[in-house]
Protein backbone atom coordinates (compact mmCIF):
# COMPACT_ATOMS: atom_id res chain seq x y z
CA UNK A 1 0.21 0.14 -0.11
CA UNK A 2 1.19 3.77 -0.92
CA UNK A 3 0.81 6.36 1.02
CA UNK A 4 -0.48 9.19 -1.12
CA UNK A 5 0.42 13.04 -0.69
CA UNK A 6 -2.57 15.51 -1.28
CA UNK A 7 -1.64 17.71 -4.45
CA UNK A 8 -0.60 14.50 -5.82
CA UNK A 9 2.35 12.14 -5.59
CA UNK A 10 3.25 8.61 -3.24
CA UNK A 11 5.96 8.18 -0.91
CA UNK A 12 6.40 4.66 0.19
CA UNK A 13 8.19 3.61 3.10
CA UNK A 14 12.43 1.72 2.56
CA UNK A 15 13.18 1.08 5.86
CA UNK A 16 13.97 -2.23 5.07
CA UNK A 17 16.88 -0.92 2.76
CA UNK A 18 18.46 1.44 5.48
CA UNK A 19 18.23 -2.07 8.04
CA UNK A 20 20.19 -3.95 5.82
CA UNK A 21 22.77 -1.48 5.05
CA UNK A 22 23.11 -1.69 8.60
CA UNK A 23 23.23 -5.00 9.33
CA UNK A 24 19.88 -4.89 11.81
CA UNK A 25 16.58 -6.36 11.92
CA UNK A 26 12.68 -5.31 12.44
CA UNK A 27 13.54 -6.97 15.94
CA UNK A 28 16.44 -4.96 16.77
CA UNK A 29 14.64 -1.55 15.19
CA UNK A 30 11.25 -2.96 17.46
CA UNK A 31 13.44 -3.29 20.50
CA UNK A 32 14.89 0.03 19.89
CA UNK A 33 12.36 2.10 19.15
CA UNK A 34 9.61 0.81 21.97
CA UNK A 35 7.73 0.39 18.44
CA UNK A 36 5.74 -2.81 17.91
CA UNK A 37 6.83 -5.66 15.56
CA UNK A 38 3.18 -5.46 14.34
CA UNK A 39 3.83 -1.92 13.60
CA UNK A 40 7.03 -2.53 12.59
CA UNK A 41 6.53 -4.85 10.13
CA UNK A 42 2.99 -2.92 8.65
CA UNK A 43 5.46 -0.36 8.00
CA UNK A 44 8.35 -1.83 6.74
CA UNK A 45 6.19 -4.13 4.08
CA UNK A 46 4.12 -0.76 3.50
CA UNK A 47 0.86 -2.03 4.19
CA UNK A 48 -0.14 1.09 6.57
CA UNK A 49 -1.90 4.73 4.82
CA UNK A 50 -0.16 7.16 7.71
CA UNK A 51 2.93 7.51 9.76
CA UNK A 52 3.66 9.42 12.99
CA UNK A 53 6.18 12.05 12.73
CA UNK A 54 7.17 11.00 16.33
CA UNK A 55 7.44 7.04 14.68
CA UNK A 56 9.91 8.46 12.19
CA UNK A 57 12.05 10.12 14.50
CA UNK A 58 12.23 7.54 16.62
CA UNK A 59 13.19 5.02 13.42
CA UNK A 60 15.91 7.72 12.12
CA UNK A 61 17.67 8.13 15.73
CA UNK A 62 17.86 4.30 15.68
CA UNK A 63 18.67 4.33 12.39
CA UNK A 64 21.74 6.90 12.78
CA UNK A 65 19.30 8.33 9.60
CA UNK A 66 17.44 10.76 7.82
CA UNK A 67 13.64 10.57 6.80
CA UNK A 68 15.02 11.20 3.18
CA UNK A 69 16.98 6.95 3.64
CA UNK A 70 13.36 5.82 5.10
CA UNK A 71 11.06 7.54 3.10
CA UNK A 72 10.82 7.47 -0.96
CA UNK A 73 8.99 10.29 -2.63
CA UNK A 74 7.24 9.59 -5.60
CA UNK A 75 5.10 12.25 -8.73
CA UNK A 76 5.86 15.97 -6.83
């Protein structure tokens, strides 16, 4: 599922790519951020229609990355 952006375009979540680069797992990310594993799985599988800014911040802090590293915006 894609997250549609008002005014056109869409966003996909690319957390798995960063996890792979860092040698980390979804389970590790869940433990590190306090976000439940089912929620991490839904995010990584792009099975969500929204994401809170606090979740993005927690994920980026744990992965030592920026939102640009985990969000791919198309069509703008």
